[in-house]
Amino acid sequence: MPHPIYRVVDFEIVGPYTLQIEFDDGTEQVIDFRPVLEGGLYGPLQEERMFNQVEIDPEVHILVWPNGADFDPETLHDWPKYVEDMKRMAKRWATTKVKVA
């Protein structure tokens, strides 16, 4: 079963690591990302200056960061449904060592 497709239409930084995100269906979520900023992809966003460089990709309407990090808009749209799973994954990412070849 396919999941709904949402587009991010606007956002505002409302606190440290916290965004108020508006979606194309008129709904909004306020998300504190701190609990999920771990691992190789999201870990660099722990630097607030990097986190604050978030933008909306004009083609696919998702939030993106300069290091390539992004989040599925459906996950953000329904954050309360996904937040505990995201926190559990972040704990695993924090303990996983990246091997350099």
N, C-alpha and C. Protein backbone atom coordinates (compact mmCIF):
# COMPACT_ATOMS: atom_id res chain seq x y z
N MET A 1 0.84 -1.17 0.00
CA MET A 1 0.00 0.00 0.00
C MET A 1 0.89 1.24 0.00
N PRO A 2 0.77 2.10 -1.00
CA PRO A 2 1.61 3.30 -1.05
C PRO A 2 1.22 4.29 0.04
N HIS A 3 2.20 5.04 0.51
CA HIS A 3 1.90 6.04 1.52
C HIS A 3 1.58 7.37 0.85
N PRO A 4 0.88 8.25 1.55
CA PRO A 4 0.53 9.55 0.97
C PRO A 4 1.78 10.34 0.61
N ILE A 5 1.65 11.16 -0.41
CA ILE A 5 2.74 12.03 -0.83
C ILE A 5 2.44 13.44 -0.33
N TYR A 6 3.33 13.96 0.48
CA TYR A 6 3.19 15.33 0.99
C TYR A 6 4.37 16.14 0.48
N ARG A 7 4.15 17.42 0.35
CA ARG A 7 5.21 18.34 -0.04
C ARG A 7 5.37 19.37 1.06
N VAL A 8 6.61 19.70 1.35
CA VAL A 8 6.90 20.79 2.28
C VAL A 8 6.78 22.08 1.50
N VAL A 9 5.95 23.00 1.98
CA VAL A 9 5.77 24.28 1.27
C VAL A 9 6.43 25.44 2.00
N ASP A 10 6.70 25.28 3.29
CA ASP A 10 7.34 26.35 4.03
C ASP A 10 7.86 25.79 5.35
N PHE A 11 8.80 26.50 5.95
CA PHE A 11 9.29 26.13 7.28
C PHE A 11 9.85 27.38 7.94
N GLU A 12 9.97 27.29 9.25
CA GLU A 12 10.58 28.36 10.02
C GLU A 12 11.38 27.72 11.14
N ILE A 13 12.57 28.25 11.38
CA ILE A 13 13.35 27.81 12.52
C ILE A 13 12.76 28.52 13.74
N VAL A 14 12.22 27.73 14.68
CA VAL A 14 11.53 28.32 15.83
C VAL A 14 12.28 28.11 17.14
N GLY A 15 13.40 27.44 17.08
CA GLY A 15 14.22 27.21 18.26
C GLY A 15 15.43 26.40 17.85
N PRO A 16 16.35 26.14 18.79
CA PRO A 16 17.51 25.31 18.45
C PRO A 16 17.06 23.93 17.95
N TYR A 17 17.47 23.61 16.74
CA TYR A 17 17.17 22.31 16.12
C TYR A 17 15.67 22.04 15.98
N THR A 18 14.88 23.09 16.00
CA THR A 18 13.42 22.94 15.96
C THR A 18 12.84 23.72 14.79
N LEU A 19 12.05 23.01 13.99
CA LEU A 19 11.42 23.63 12.82
C LEU A 19 9.91 23.53 12.91
N GLN A 20 9.26 24.58 12.47
CA GLN A 20 7.82 24.54 12.23
C GLN A 20 7.68 24.34 10.73
N ILE A 21 7.06 23.24 10.34
CA ILE A 21 7.01 22.84 8.93
C ILE A 21 5.57 22.88 8.45
N GLU A 22 5.35 23.50 7.29
CA GLU A 22 4.02 23.56 6.69
C GLU A 22 3.99 22.67 5.45
N PHE A 23 2.91 21.91 5.32
CA PHE A 23 2.76 20.96 4.21
C PHE A 23 1.69 21.43 3.23
N ASP A 24 1.69 20.82 2.07
CA ASP A 24 0.78 21.24 1.01
C ASP A 24 -0.69 20.96 1.30
N ASP A 25 -0.98 20.19 2.34
CA ASP A 25 -2.38 19.96 2.71
C ASP A 25 -2.84 20.95 3.79
N GLY A 26 -1.98 21.95 4.09
CA GLY A 26 -2.33 22.98 5.05
C GLY A 26 -2.00 22.65 6.50
N THR A 27 -1.50 21.45 6.77
CA THR A 27 -1.15 21.08 8.14
C THR A 27 0.27 21.53 8.47
N GLU A 28 0.57 21.55 9.76
CA GLU A 28 1.89 21.94 10.23
C GLU A 28 2.34 20.99 11.33
N GLN A 29 3.64 20.87 11.45
CA GLN A 29 4.25 20.13 12.55
C GLN A 29 5.38 20.99 13.11
N VAL A 30 5.54 21.00 14.41
CA VAL A 30 6.71 21.58 15.05
C VAL A 30 7.54 20.41 15.55
N ILE A 31 8.77 20.32 15.05
CA ILE A 31 9.61 19.15 15.33
C ILE A 31 10.94 19.59 15.91
N ASP A 32 11.28 19.02 17.06
CA ASP A 32 12.60 19.17 17.65
C ASP A 32 13.41 17.97 17.16
N PHE A 33 14.38 18.21 16.32
CA PHE A 33 15.15 17.14 15.68
C PHE A 33 16.28 16.60 16.56
N ARG A 34 16.59 17.24 17.68
CA ARG A 34 17.75 16.82 18.49
C ARG A 34 17.81 15.33 18.77
N PRO A 35 16.70 14.68 19.13
CA PRO A 35 16.80 13.25 19.48
C PRO A 35 17.19 12.33 18.32
N VAL A 36 17.15 12.81 17.08
CA VAL A 36 17.45 11.93 15.94
C VAL A 36 18.71 12.35 15.18
N LEU A 37 19.45 13.32 15.69
CA LEU A 37 20.64 13.79 14.98
C LEU A 37 21.85 12.96 15.39
N GLU A 38 21.93 11.76 14.84
CA GLU A 38 23.02 10.82 15.12
C GLU A 38 23.46 10.17 13.82
N GLY A 39 24.59 9.53 13.87
CA GLY A 39 25.07 8.76 12.73
C GLY A 39 25.76 9.60 11.67
N GLY A 40 26.15 8.91 10.61
CA GLY A 40 26.91 9.55 9.54
C GLY A 40 26.16 10.61 8.77
N LEU A 41 24.86 10.42 8.59
CA LEU A 41 24.09 11.37 7.79
C LEU A 41 23.52 12.52 8.63
N TYR A 42 22.91 12.20 9.75
CA TYR A 42 22.26 13.23 10.57
C TYR A 42 23.16 13.80 11.65
N GLY A 43 24.20 13.08 12.04
CA GLY A 43 25.11 13.54 13.09
C GLY A 43 25.72 14.91 12.83
N PRO A 44 26.17 15.20 11.60
CA PRO A 44 26.73 16.52 11.34
C PRO A 44 25.76 17.68 11.61
N LEU A 45 24.47 17.38 11.65
CA LEU A 45 23.49 18.42 11.91
C LEU A 45 23.44 18.81 13.38
N GLN A 46 24.20 18.11 14.23
CA GLN A 46 24.31 18.51 15.63
C GLN A 46 24.99 19.86 15.75
N GLU A 47 25.76 20.23 14.73
CA GLU A 47 26.34 21.57 14.68
C GLU A 47 25.21 22.51 14.25
N GLU A 48 24.80 23.38 15.15
CA GLU A 48 23.62 24.21 14.90
C GLU A 48 23.76 25.05 13.63
N ARG A 49 24.95 25.51 13.34
CA ARG A 49 25.15 26.30 12.12
C ARG A 49 24.82 25.47 10.88
N MET A 50 25.21 24.21 10.88
CA MET A 50 24.89 23.31 9.77
C MET A 50 23.39 23.03 9.74
N PHE A 51 22.80 22.74 10.89
CA PHE A 51 21.36 22.47 10.94
C PHE A 51 20.57 23.64 10.35
N ASN A 52 20.98 24.86 10.69
CA ASN A 52 20.24 26.04 10.25
C ASN A 52 20.39 26.35 8.77
N GLN A 53 21.17 25.55 8.05
CA GLN A 53 21.31 25.73 6.60
C GLN A 53 20.25 24.93 5.83
N VAL A 54 19.24 24.46 6.53
CA VAL A 54 18.15 23.70 5.92
C VAL A 54 17.45 24.54 4.85
N GLU A 55 17.04 23.87 3.79
CA GLU A 55 16.32 24.51 2.69
C GLU A 55 15.25 23.56 2.18
N ILE A 56 14.34 24.08 1.38
CA ILE A 56 13.37 23.24 0.68
C ILE A 56 13.91 22.99 -0.72
N ASP A 57 14.04 21.73 -1.07
CA ASP A 57 14.45 21.39 -2.44
C ASP A 57 13.33 21.82 -3.37
N PRO A 58 13.59 22.69 -4.34
CA PRO A 58 12.53 23.22 -5.19
C PRO A 58 11.91 22.20 -6.14
N GLU A 59 12.62 21.11 -6.41
CA GLU A 59 12.08 20.08 -7.31
C GLU A 59 11.16 19.10 -6.62
N VAL A 60 11.61 18.59 -5.48
CA VAL A 60 10.86 17.52 -4.83
C VAL A 60 10.17 17.96 -3.53
N HIS A 61 10.38 19.21 -3.12
CA HIS A 61 9.68 19.80 -1.98
C HIS A 61 9.90 19.03 -0.68
N ILE A 62 11.17 18.72 -0.41
CA ILE A 62 11.56 18.11 0.85
C ILE A 62 12.57 19.02 1.52
N LEU A 63 12.75 18.85 2.83
CA LEU A 63 13.79 19.59 3.53
C LEU A 63 15.12 18.90 3.26
N VAL A 64 16.13 19.71 2.93
CA VAL A 64 17.47 19.18 2.64
C VAL A 64 18.52 20.04 3.33
N TRP A 65 19.65 19.41 3.62
CA TRP A 65 20.78 20.09 4.23
C TRP A 65 21.98 19.95 3.30
N PRO A 66 22.98 20.84 3.43
CA PRO A 66 24.14 20.81 2.53
C PRO A 66 24.91 19.50 2.52
N ASN A 67 24.84 18.71 3.58
CA ASN A 67 25.58 17.44 3.63
C ASN A 67 24.81 16.30 2.98
N GLY A 68 23.63 16.58 2.40
CA GLY A 68 22.83 15.54 1.74
C GLY A 68 21.74 14.95 2.62
N ALA A 69 21.68 15.33 3.88
CA ALA A 69 20.63 14.82 4.76
C ALA A 69 19.26 15.34 4.32
N ASP A 70 18.27 14.48 4.48
CA ASP A 70 16.88 14.87 4.22
C ASP A 70 15.97 13.93 4.99
N PHE A 71 14.70 14.27 5.02
CA PHE A 71 13.70 13.43 5.68
C PHE A 71 12.52 13.29 4.73
N ASP A 72 11.93 12.11 4.70
CA ASP A 72 10.72 11.87 3.92
C ASP A 72 9.63 12.80 4.45
N PRO A 73 9.00 13.59 3.58
CA PRO A 73 7.94 14.49 4.05
C PRO A 73 6.79 13.78 4.76
N GLU A 74 6.51 12.54 4.38
CA GLU A 74 5.44 11.80 5.06
C GLU A 74 5.83 11.52 6.50
N THR A 75 7.10 11.22 6.73
CA THR A 75 7.58 11.01 8.10
C THR A 75 7.43 12.29 8.91
N LEU A 76 7.80 13.42 8.33
CA LEU A 76 7.68 14.69 9.03
C LEU A 76 6.22 15.07 9.24
N HIS A 77 5.38 14.85 8.23
CA HIS A 77 3.96 15.17 8.31
C HIS A 77 3.29 14.42 9.46
N ASP A 78 3.67 13.15 9.62
CA ASP A 78 3.07 12.30 10.64
C ASP A 78 4.07 12.01 11.77
N TRP A 79 4.88 13.00 12.13
CA TRP A 79 5.96 12.84 13.10
C TRP A 79 5.55 12.12 14.38
N PRO A 80 4.42 12.45 14.99
CA PRO A 80 4.06 11.74 16.23
C PRO A 80 3.99 10.22 16.05
N LYS A 81 3.63 9.77 14.88
CA LYS A 81 3.54 8.34 14.58
C LYS A 81 4.93 7.71 14.44
N TYR A 82 5.92 8.49 14.01
CA TYR A 82 7.24 7.95 13.71
C TYR A 82 8.34 8.30 14.72
N VAL A 83 8.10 9.26 15.59
CA VAL A 83 9.18 9.79 16.42
C VAL A 83 9.86 8.73 17.28
N GLU A 84 9.12 7.83 17.89
CA GLU A 84 9.76 6.83 18.75
C GLU A 84 10.64 5.88 17.93
N ASP A 85 10.18 5.47 16.75
CA ASP A 85 11.01 4.63 15.88
C ASP A 85 12.26 5.38 15.44
N MET A 86 12.12 6.66 15.13
CA MET A 86 13.26 7.47 14.71
C MET A 86 14.28 7.58 15.85
N LYS A 87 13.80 7.74 17.07
CA LYS A 87 14.71 7.82 18.23
C LYS A 87 15.46 6.50 18.40
N ARG A 88 14.76 5.38 18.26
CA ARG A 88 15.41 4.07 18.39
C ARG A 88 16.48 3.89 17.30
N MET A 89 16.14 4.29 16.08
CA MET A 89 17.12 4.18 15.00
C MET A 89 18.33 5.07 15.28
N ALA A 90 18.08 6.28 15.79
CA ALA A 90 19.18 7.21 16.08
C ALA A 90 20.13 6.62 17.12
N LYS A 91 19.61 5.90 18.09
CA LYS A 91 20.47 5.25 19.08
C LYS A 91 21.38 4.22 18.42
N ARG A 92 20.84 3.48 17.47
CA ARG A 92 21.66 2.50 16.72
C ARG A 92 22.70 3.23 15.88
N TRP A 93 22.28 4.32 15.22
CA TRP A 93 23.23 5.07 14.38
C TRP A 93 24.37 5.61 15.23
N ALA A 94 24.07 6.03 16.46
CA ALA A 94 25.09 6.61 17.33
C ALA A 94 26.14 5.59 17.71
N THR A 95 25.79 4.32 17.76
CA THR A 95 26.73 3.28 18.17
C THR A 95 27.40 2.58 17.00
N THR A 96 26.97 2.88 15.79
CA THR A 96 27.54 2.25 14.60
C THR A 96 28.77 3.05 14.15
N LYS A 97 29.87 2.37 14.04
CA LYS A 97 31.10 3.01 13.58
C LYS A 97 31.16 2.90 12.07
N VAL A 98 31.50 4.01 11.42
CA VAL A 98 31.66 4.02 9.97
C VAL A 98 33.07 3.58 9.65
N LYS A 99 33.19 2.58 8.80
CA LYS A 99 34.52 2.11 8.38
C LYS A 99 34.99 2.91 7.19
N VAL A 100 36.22 3.37 7.27
CA VAL A 100 36.83 4.13 6.19
C VAL A 100 37.76 3.18 5.45
N ALA A 101 37.60 3.13 4.12
CA ALA A 101 38.43 2.22 3.33
C ALA A 101 39.80 2.80 3.07
